[in-house]
Amino acid sequence: MTDDDRRRDLRRMKLLATALLVVAAIVFVFARVREDQSSGWGYVRATAEAAMVGALADWFAVTALFRHPLGLPIPHTAIIKKRKDQIGESMGSFVRDNFLSRQVVTERLAEAEMGARVGVWLSNPEHARAVGEQSAAVVRGVTEVMKDETVQRGLDDVISNRVRAIPVAPFVGRAVDEAVAGEHHQMLLDATFNGLATFLSDNQKTLRAKLYNESPWWVPEQVDDVVFDKIYDVAMRFIAEVGEQRDHPLRADLEDRAIDLAEQLKSNPELIERGERLKDELLAHPEVRAWSASLWDRLKAGLIQAAEDPDSELRRRLTDALVDAGVAIQSDPKLRAQIDRWITDATGYVAEQFRGEIASLIATTVQGWDADETADLFELQVGRDLQFIRINGTIVGGLAGLVIHTVSELVL
């Protein structure tokens, strides 16, 4: 029910209870006038009189809870307004002692079998997608809370410190050793010789013109053509031969030189020092600094975009992972029991550690309310039911008056 619904019901019940009082008063007056004509009207008068007393007494009691009856400052009235702060403290203590103890929380959660419920809920793809949809808000909220300057500075420090901690020359030397051991350098040589052959083929005319310009003026052009064609043909055949034969002497020589270079990079102090200077120059380069500074912006934008896009790889993987987790929880009793323990222990710990703060929050919240508004709020919540006290008081009072009058007539 809304507050407007409760307010309408409260007015209706007040009107009914008051109407019964008015009816009792009218009956009392009518019976009192006719009482002398017949003894039967005495019973009616006594009933109506007692009903009025009961109705007025209960009206006073109910009204005194929320305000001063008839606006008169009678002692021990307007109880809720006067004792608002104590009521808030009592409410906080009641919640703390009866709902937030570790024993109550753990017993209730143990009965709930939260692990099984989590498994069933997550195994539903619709629920998993719903969690994925909320991830966008979580990611955006986390990234907005974090200060961009601080994160960027932290990333820059992490990258710089990590790179500076690795000696460049020995690292490159070990990389060369790994490449040679795995024969990865052969692919590099293949690509190199293929590229060289392509270069010579694409620039054949340019190279021919260069030879013509460099050749003495007295050498006939036909001789230049023969010489160029011979050299070009030999070079192309040599490159093709080296490119096709993995055991070619030139390849072996290049491999030996690579291994020797790797050893030099790992052990030669001069090369190691030069590598460190080159690394420092690279880290200090404005372009590298700008890239490092903008890294967080790109990472943040990418995370938010992936989290908000329902068709992104991140969202699909997250949904699949949640569904798989739900299925695994359902099929593994030990995992369900472990989740139950996690939830129970965590919730019990929170309840035990913060029960005092929660009780204090309730008390201070109620203390901050306006007294009149507090009384109205309480009356709105329970006032409708309290009107039944007035109604019952009218009826019971009338019956009591009838019984008392009857007994008195019989006895006296």
Protein backbone atom coordinates (compact mmCIF):
# COMPACT_ATOMS: atom_id res chain seq x y z
CA MET A 1 0.00 0.00 0.00
CA THR A 2 1.11 3.54 -0.70
CA ASP A 3 1.07 6.29 1.91
CA ASP A 4 -2.00 7.79 0.25
CA ASP A 5 -3.81 4.44 0.57
CA ARG A 6 -2.86 4.18 4.23
CA ARG A 7 -4.01 7.76 4.84
CA ARG A 8 -7.41 7.07 3.28
CA ASP A 9 -7.84 3.89 5.34
CA LEU A 10 -6.85 5.72 8.51
CA ARG A 11 -9.44 8.45 7.90
CA ARG A 12 -12.11 5.83 7.17
CA MET A 13 -11.40 3.89 10.37
CA LYS A 14 -11.32 7.07 12.46
CA LEU A 15 -14.68 8.07 11.03
CA LEU A 16 -16.13 4.63 11.82
CA ALA A 17 -14.85 4.63 15.41
CA THR A 18 -16.14 8.17 15.97
CA ALA A 19 -19.48 7.28 14.39
CA LEU A 20 -19.91 4.45 16.92
CA LEU A 21 -19.24 6.93 19.73
CA VAL A 22 -21.83 9.31 18.32
CA VAL A 23 -24.36 6.50 17.94
CA ALA A 24 -23.75 5.43 21.54
CA ALA A 25 -24.28 9.02 22.69
CA ILE A 26 -27.53 9.36 20.75
CA VAL A 27 -28.80 6.02 22.09
CA PHE A 28 -27.81 7.09 25.61
CA VAL A 29 -29.78 10.35 25.40
CA PHE A 30 -32.81 8.66 23.87
CA ALA A 31 -32.76 5.84 26.47
CA ARG A 32 -32.22 8.25 29.35
CA VAL A 33 -35.29 10.22 28.33
CA ARG A 34 -37.47 7.11 28.11
CA GLU A 35 -35.96 5.25 31.07
CA ASP A 36 -38.70 6.31 33.46
CA GLN A 37 -41.40 4.90 31.19
CA SER A 38 -40.05 1.35 31.19
CA SER A 39 -37.34 -0.53 33.09
CA GLY A 40 -36.10 -2.05 29.81
CA TRP A 41 -34.73 1.30 28.72
CA GLY A 42 -32.42 1.18 31.71
CA TYR A 43 -30.56 -1.69 30.17
CA VAL A 44 -30.22 0.27 26.92
CA ARG A 45 -29.07 3.38 28.77
CA ALA A 46 -26.49 1.44 30.79
CA THR A 47 -25.19 -0.23 27.65
CA ALA A 48 -24.89 3.06 25.74
CA GLU A 49 -23.36 4.84 28.75
CA ALA A 50 -20.67 2.19 29.18
CA ALA A 51 -20.05 2.14 25.44
CA MET A 52 -19.41 5.91 25.50
CA VAL A 53 -17.03 5.51 28.42
CA GLY A 54 -15.13 2.73 26.66
CA ALA A 55 -15.03 4.67 23.40
CA LEU A 56 -13.79 7.86 25.06
CA ALA A 57 -11.20 6.03 27.15
CA ASP A 58 -9.75 4.21 24.16
CA TRP A 59 -9.89 7.37 22.02
CA PHE A 60 -7.85 9.11 24.69
CA ALA A 61 -5.36 6.22 24.89
CA VAL A 62 -4.87 5.99 21.13
CA THR A 63 -4.66 9.73 20.63
CA ALA A 64 -2.20 10.11 23.52
CA LEU A 65 0.29 7.99 21.65
CA PHE A 66 0.66 10.55 18.87
CA ARG A 67 -0.48 13.96 20.17
CA HIS A 68 -2.12 15.85 23.04
CA PRO A 69 -5.85 15.02 23.16
CA LEU A 70 -7.85 18.15 22.27
CA GLY A 71 -4.53 20.00 22.23
CA LEU A 72 -4.31 19.94 26.03
CA PRO A 73 -0.80 19.33 27.44
CA ILE A 74 -1.93 16.49 29.67
CA PRO A 75 0.98 14.59 31.26
CA HIS A 76 2.03 11.34 29.59
CA THR A 77 0.42 12.21 26.27
CA ALA A 78 2.03 12.77 22.83
CA ILE A 79 4.27 9.89 23.84
CA ILE A 80 5.88 9.25 20.44
CA LYS A 81 6.72 12.94 19.94
CA LYS A 82 8.28 13.23 23.40
CA ARG A 83 10.12 9.91 23.36
CA LYS A 84 11.15 9.91 19.71
CA ASP A 85 14.86 9.64 20.49
CA GLN A 86 14.37 6.80 22.98
CA ILE A 87 12.17 4.99 20.47
CA GLY A 88 14.93 5.28 17.86
CA GLU A 89 17.47 3.85 20.30
CA SER A 90 15.10 1.01 21.21
CA MET A 91 14.50 0.22 17.54
CA GLY A 92 18.23 0.14 16.85
CA SER A 93 18.87 -2.09 19.86
CA PHE A 94 16.02 -4.41 18.87
CA VAL A 95 17.36 -4.83 15.35
CA ARG A 96 20.91 -5.29 16.65
CA ASP A 97 20.03 -7.91 19.26
CA ASN A 98 17.40 -9.87 17.35
CA PHE A 99 18.50 -9.67 13.71
CA LEU A 100 22.22 -8.87 13.53
CA SER A 101 23.81 -11.40 15.85
CA ARG A 102 26.23 -13.82 14.24
CA GLN A 103 24.22 -16.81 15.45
CA VAL A 104 20.94 -15.58 13.97
CA VAL A 105 22.52 -14.65 10.65
CA THR A 106 24.48 -17.86 10.25
CA GLU A 107 21.52 -20.05 11.19
CA ARG A 108 19.24 -18.28 8.75
CA LEU A 109 21.76 -18.44 5.90
CA ALA A 110 22.51 -22.09 6.62
CA GLU A 111 18.82 -22.88 6.15
CA ALA A 112 18.69 -20.83 2.93
CA GLU A 113 21.30 -23.01 1.07
CA MET A 114 22.69 -19.98 -0.72
CA GLY A 115 25.25 -22.00 -2.69
CA ALA A 116 22.54 -24.00 -4.46
CA ARG A 117 20.53 -20.85 -5.14
CA VAL A 118 23.54 -19.09 -6.59
CA GLY A 119 24.24 -22.05 -8.87
CA VAL A 120 20.66 -22.24 -10.16
CA TRP A 121 20.49 -18.49 -10.68
CA LEU A 122 23.80 -18.19 -12.51
CA SER A 123 23.20 -21.20 -14.75
CA ASN A 124 20.34 -19.30 -16.38
CA PRO A 125 21.85 -17.45 -19.39
CA GLU A 126 19.43 -14.57 -18.93
CA HIS A 127 20.66 -14.01 -15.40
CA ALA A 128 24.29 -14.28 -16.52
CA ARG A 129 23.65 -11.66 -19.20
CA ALA A 130 22.00 -9.44 -16.60
CA VAL A 131 25.17 -9.61 -14.51
CA GLY A 132 27.15 -8.75 -17.64
CA GLU A 133 24.94 -5.73 -18.21
CA GLN A 134 25.67 -4.52 -14.71
CA SER A 135 29.40 -4.89 -15.35
CA ALA A 136 29.30 -1.79 -17.54
CA ALA A 137 28.01 0.30 -14.64
CA VAL A 138 30.60 -1.23 -12.31
CA VAL A 139 33.46 -0.59 -14.75
CA ARG A 140 32.32 2.95 -15.43
CA GLY A 141 31.85 3.66 -11.72
CA VAL A 142 35.28 2.32 -10.81
CA THR A 143 37.04 4.20 -13.59
CA GLU A 144 35.24 7.44 -12.73
CA VAL A 145 36.16 7.16 -9.06
CA MET A 146 39.84 6.63 -9.88
CA LYS A 147 41.78 9.81 -10.66
CA ASP A 148 43.14 9.70 -14.21
CA GLU A 149 46.30 11.60 -13.31
CA THR A 150 47.14 9.23 -10.48
CA VAL A 151 46.50 6.11 -12.56
CA GLN A 152 48.47 7.43 -15.52
CA ARG A 153 51.38 8.34 -13.28
CA GLY A 154 51.22 4.91 -11.68
CA LEU A 155 51.21 3.14 -15.05
CA ASP A 156 54.10 5.27 -16.24
CA ASP A 157 56.08 4.41 -13.11
CA VAL A 158 55.29 0.70 -13.43
CA ILE A 159 56.30 0.59 -17.10
CA SER A 160 59.44 2.65 -16.58
CA ASN A 161 60.56 0.74 -13.49
CA ARG A 162 59.87 -2.59 -15.15
CA VAL A 163 61.81 -1.69 -18.27
CA ARG A 164 64.70 -0.20 -16.30
CA ALA A 165 64.90 -3.34 -14.17
CA ILE A 166 65.65 -5.48 -17.23
CA PRO A 167 69.19 -5.10 -18.71
CA VAL A 168 68.59 -4.59 -22.43
CA ALA A 169 71.75 -6.12 -23.92
CA PRO A 170 71.68 -9.41 -21.96
CA PHE A 171 67.94 -9.67 -22.62
CA VAL A 172 68.51 -9.29 -26.36
CA GLY A 173 71.37 -11.79 -26.16
CA ARG A 174 69.15 -14.39 -24.51
CA ALA A 175 66.45 -13.69 -27.07
CA VAL A 176 68.96 -14.37 -29.88
CA ASP A 177 70.01 -17.63 -28.18
CA GLU A 178 66.37 -18.74 -27.95
CA ALA A 179 65.75 -17.83 -31.57
CA VAL A 180 68.79 -19.77 -32.79
CA ALA A 181 68.02 -22.77 -30.56
CA GLY A 182 64.49 -22.94 -31.93
CA GLU A 183 65.71 -22.22 -35.49
CA HIS A 184 63.45 -19.20 -35.58
CA HIS A 185 66.33 -17.27 -37.14
CA GLN A 186 65.96 -19.42 -40.26
CA MET A 187 62.57 -17.86 -40.93
CA LEU A 188 64.13 -14.44 -40.49
CA LEU A 189 66.89 -15.32 -42.96
CA ASP A 190 64.31 -16.70 -45.42
CA ALA A 191 62.39 -13.47 -45.24
CA THR A 192 65.59 -11.44 -45.58
CA PHE A 193 66.80 -13.20 -48.71
CA ASN A 194 63.35 -13.22 -50.26
CA GLY A 195 63.08 -9.53 -49.60
CA LEU A 196 66.55 -8.93 -51.06
CA ALA A 197 65.65 -10.84 -54.23
CA THR A 198 62.43 -8.86 -54.56
CA PHE A 199 64.33 -5.62 -54.06
CA LEU A 200 66.85 -6.45 -56.81
CA SER A 201 64.08 -7.50 -59.17
CA ASP A 202 62.01 -4.38 -58.56
CA ASN A 203 64.99 -2.07 -58.97
CA GLN A 204 66.77 -3.79 -61.89
CA LYS A 205 66.37 -0.82 -64.23
CA THR A 206 67.50 1.63 -61.57
CA LEU A 207 70.62 -0.40 -60.85
CA ARG A 208 71.35 -0.69 -64.59
CA ALA A 209 71.11 3.06 -64.97
CA LYS A 210 73.41 3.54 -61.98
CA LEU A 211 76.03 1.26 -63.59
CA TYR A 212 75.75 3.15 -66.89
CA ASN A 213 76.33 6.48 -65.13
CA GLU A 214 79.33 5.17 -63.19
CA SER A 215 80.92 3.37 -66.11
CA PRO A 216 83.79 5.16 -68.01
CA TRP A 217 82.58 7.01 -71.10
CA TRP A 218 84.78 5.01 -73.37
CA VAL A 219 83.21 1.63 -72.37
CA PRO A 220 80.59 0.65 -74.95
CA GLU A 221 77.02 0.36 -73.69
CA GLN A 222 76.81 -3.23 -74.95
CA VAL A 223 79.70 -4.13 -72.66
CA ASP A 224 77.90 -2.49 -69.71
CA ASP A 225 74.82 -4.54 -70.48
CA VAL A 226 76.79 -7.78 -70.56
CA VAL A 227 78.59 -6.96 -67.30
CA PHE A 228 75.38 -5.90 -65.54
CA ASP A 229 73.44 -8.93 -66.71
CA LYS A 230 76.23 -11.23 -65.54
CA ILE A 231 76.49 -9.60 -62.13
CA TYR A 232 72.71 -9.44 -61.71
CA ASP A 233 72.28 -13.07 -62.72
CA VAL A 234 75.03 -14.26 -60.36
CA ALA A 235 73.61 -12.21 -57.49
CA MET A 236 70.08 -13.50 -58.03
CA ARG A 237 71.23 -17.12 -58.29
CA PHE A 238 73.35 -16.73 -55.16
CA ILE A 239 70.50 -15.20 -53.20
CA ALA A 240 68.12 -17.94 -54.39
CA GLU A 241 70.69 -20.60 -53.48
CA VAL A 242 71.19 -19.23 -49.97
CA GLY A 243 67.45 -18.78 -49.52
CA GLU A 244 66.65 -22.36 -50.51
CA GLN A 245 69.46 -24.21 -48.73
CA ARG A 246 69.15 -24.23 -44.94
CA ASP A 247 72.65 -25.75 -44.63
CA HIS A 248 74.34 -23.15 -46.87
CA PRO A 249 77.75 -21.99 -45.55
CA LEU A 250 76.61 -18.37 -45.54
CA ARG A 251 73.69 -19.25 -43.31
CA ALA A 252 76.02 -21.16 -41.00
CA ASP A 253 78.38 -18.19 -40.89
CA LEU A 254 75.52 -15.81 -40.10
CA GLU A 255 74.32 -18.18 -37.38
CA ASP A 256 77.82 -18.30 -35.84
CA ARG A 257 78.00 -14.53 -35.92
CA ALA A 258 74.57 -14.28 -34.28
CA ILE A 259 75.64 -16.64 -31.50
CA ASP A 260 78.83 -14.67 -31.00
CA LEU A 261 76.87 -11.42 -30.91
CA ALA A 262 74.55 -12.92 -28.31
CA GLU A 263 77.50 -13.84 -26.09
CA GLN A 264 78.92 -10.34 -26.48
CA LEU A 265 75.60 -8.78 -25.54
CA LYS A 266 75.40 -10.90 -22.42
CA SER A 267 78.93 -10.40 -21.20
CA ASN A 268 80.57 -7.37 -22.80
CA PRO A 269 80.41 -4.46 -20.31
CA GLU A 270 80.67 -1.87 -23.07
CA LEU A 271 77.74 -3.30 -25.02
CA ILE A 272 75.72 -3.64 -21.80
CA GLU A 273 76.40 0.00 -20.90
CA ARG A 274 75.52 1.18 -24.42
CA GLY A 275 72.28 -0.80 -24.23
CA GLU A 276 71.34 0.88 -20.94
CA ARG A 277 72.06 4.33 -22.36
CA LEU A 278 69.94 3.53 -25.39
CA LYS A 279 67.13 2.32 -23.11
CA ASP A 280 67.25 5.49 -21.00
CA GLU A 281 67.20 7.66 -24.13
CA LEU A 282 64.24 5.70 -25.43
CA LEU A 283 62.28 6.05 -22.16
CA ALA A 284 63.02 9.78 -22.07
CA HIS A 285 61.88 10.33 -25.65
CA PRO A 286 58.83 12.66 -25.83
CA GLU A 287 56.87 10.24 -28.01
CA VAL A 288 57.38 7.40 -25.56
CA ARG A 289 56.41 9.63 -22.66
CA ALA A 290 53.29 10.76 -24.50
CA TRP A 291 52.35 7.14 -25.27
CA SER A 292 52.80 6.13 -21.64
CA ALA A 293 50.78 9.11 -20.42
CA SER A 294 47.86 8.32 -22.74
CA LEU A 295 47.87 4.58 -22.03
CA TRP A 296 45.27 4.80 -19.25
CA ASP A 297 42.88 6.84 -21.39
CA ARG A 298 42.95 4.19 -24.10
CA LEU A 299 42.65 1.34 -21.62
CA LYS A 300 39.72 2.99 -19.83
CA ALA A 301 37.89 3.79 -23.05
CA GLY A 302 38.42 0.23 -24.28
CA LEU A 303 37.17 -1.32 -21.03
CA ILE A 304 34.05 0.83 -20.91
CA GLN A 305 33.26 0.23 -24.57
CA ALA A 306 33.72 -3.54 -24.22
CA ALA A 307 31.63 -3.65 -21.03
CA GLU A 308 28.78 -1.62 -22.54
CA ASP A 309 28.68 -3.47 -25.86
CA PRO A 310 26.45 -6.57 -25.43
CA ASP A 311 28.12 -8.20 -28.45
CA SER A 312 31.68 -7.59 -27.30
CA GLU A 313 34.07 -10.45 -26.71
CA LEU A 314 34.40 -9.39 -23.06
CA ARG A 315 30.65 -9.59 -22.44
CA ARG A 316 30.32 -12.92 -24.26
CA ARG A 317 33.19 -14.46 -22.32
CA LEU A 318 31.83 -13.10 -19.04
CA THR A 319 28.36 -14.52 -19.72
CA ASP A 320 29.77 -17.92 -20.70
CA ALA A 321 31.99 -17.97 -17.63
CA LEU A 322 29.08 -17.17 -15.30
CA VAL A 323 26.87 -19.86 -16.84
CA ASP A 324 29.70 -22.40 -16.56
CA ALA A 325 30.23 -21.38 -12.95
CA GLY A 326 26.53 -21.86 -12.21
CA VAL A 327 26.52 -25.34 -13.77
CA ALA A 328 29.68 -26.28 -11.87
CA ILE A 329 28.16 -25.12 -8.57
CA GLN A 330 25.01 -27.16 -9.19
CA SER A 331 26.92 -30.32 -9.97
CA ASP A 332 29.54 -30.09 -7.19
CA PRO A 333 28.24 -30.54 -3.63
CA LYS A 334 31.62 -29.62 -2.14
CA LEU A 335 31.68 -26.36 -4.07
CA ARG A 336 28.15 -25.55 -2.92
CA ALA A 337 29.11 -26.25 0.66
CA GLN A 338 32.19 -24.05 0.29
CA ILE A 339 30.10 -21.17 -1.10
CA ASP A 340 27.66 -21.61 1.79
CA ARG A 341 30.56 -21.29 4.23
CA TRP A 342 31.95 -18.24 2.45
CA ILE A 343 28.62 -16.43 2.45
CA THR A 344 27.78 -17.44 6.00
CA ASP A 345 31.19 -16.50 7.40
CA ALA A 346 31.35 -13.21 5.49
CA THR A 347 27.81 -12.15 6.39
CA GLY A 348 28.22 -13.26 9.99
CA TYR A 349 31.47 -11.29 10.26
CA VAL A 350 29.86 -8.15 8.80
CA ALA A 351 26.86 -8.49 11.09
CA GLU A 352 29.08 -9.00 14.14
CA GLN A 353 31.45 -6.15 13.31
CA PHE A 354 28.93 -3.55 12.20
CA ARG A 355 25.82 -4.38 14.24
CA GLY A 356 26.60 -1.53 16.61
CA GLU A 357 27.03 0.93 13.76
CA ILE A 358 23.75 -0.17 12.20
CA ALA A 359 21.91 0.24 15.49
CA SER A 360 23.50 3.67 15.88
CA LEU A 361 22.48 4.56 12.32
CA ILE A 362 18.85 3.69 13.08
CA ALA A 363 18.91 5.67 16.32
CA THR A 364 20.54 8.77 14.84
CA THR A 365 18.25 8.65 11.80
CA VAL A 366 15.15 8.64 14.00
CA GLN A 367 16.66 11.37 16.18
CA GLY A 368 17.07 13.53 13.09
CA TRP A 369 13.39 13.30 12.21
CA ASP A 370 10.96 16.08 13.06
CA ALA A 371 8.83 15.14 16.09
CA ASP A 372 5.49 15.94 14.45
CA GLU A 373 6.48 14.16 11.24
CA THR A 374 7.62 11.15 13.27
CA ALA A 375 4.30 10.93 15.08
CA ASP A 376 2.44 11.24 11.77
CA LEU A 377 4.64 8.55 10.22
CA PHE A 378 3.99 6.10 13.06
CA GLU A 379 0.28 6.84 13.01
CA LEU A 380 0.19 6.31 9.27
CA GLN A 381 1.75 2.87 9.68
CA VAL A 382 -0.23 1.56 12.65
CA GLY A 383 -3.06 4.08 13.20
CA ARG A 384 -5.60 2.12 11.14
CA ASP A 385 -5.18 -0.96 13.35
CA LEU A 386 -5.29 1.16 16.50
CA GLN A 387 -8.75 2.41 15.53
CA PHE A 388 -9.97 -1.12 16.13
CA ILE A 389 -9.07 -0.57 19.78
CA ARG A 390 -11.58 2.31 19.82
CA ILE A 391 -14.20 0.18 18.08
CA ASN A 392 -13.61 -2.77 20.38
CA GLY A 393 -13.64 -0.47 23.40
CA THR A 394 -17.04 0.85 22.38
CA ILE A 395 -18.46 -2.63 21.92
CA VAL A 396 -16.83 -4.25 24.93
CA GLY A 397 -17.65 -1.25 27.11
CA GLY A 398 -21.28 -1.47 26.08
CA LEU A 399 -21.42 -5.20 26.84
CA ALA A 400 -19.70 -4.66 30.16
CA GLY A 401 -22.20 -1.95 31.07
CA LEU A 402 -25.08 -4.23 30.15
CA VAL A 403 -23.67 -7.06 32.32
CA ILE A 404 -23.03 -4.76 35.28
CA HIS A 405 -26.52 -3.22 35.07
CA THR A 406 -28.12 -6.66 34.77
CA VAL A 407 -26.22 -8.02 37.77
CA SER A 408 -27.07 -4.97 39.82
CA GLU A 409 -30.74 -5.31 38.98
CA LEU A 410 -30.77 -8.97 39.89
CA VAL A 411 -28.80 -8.60 43.10
CA LEU A 412 -30.21 -5.36 44.33
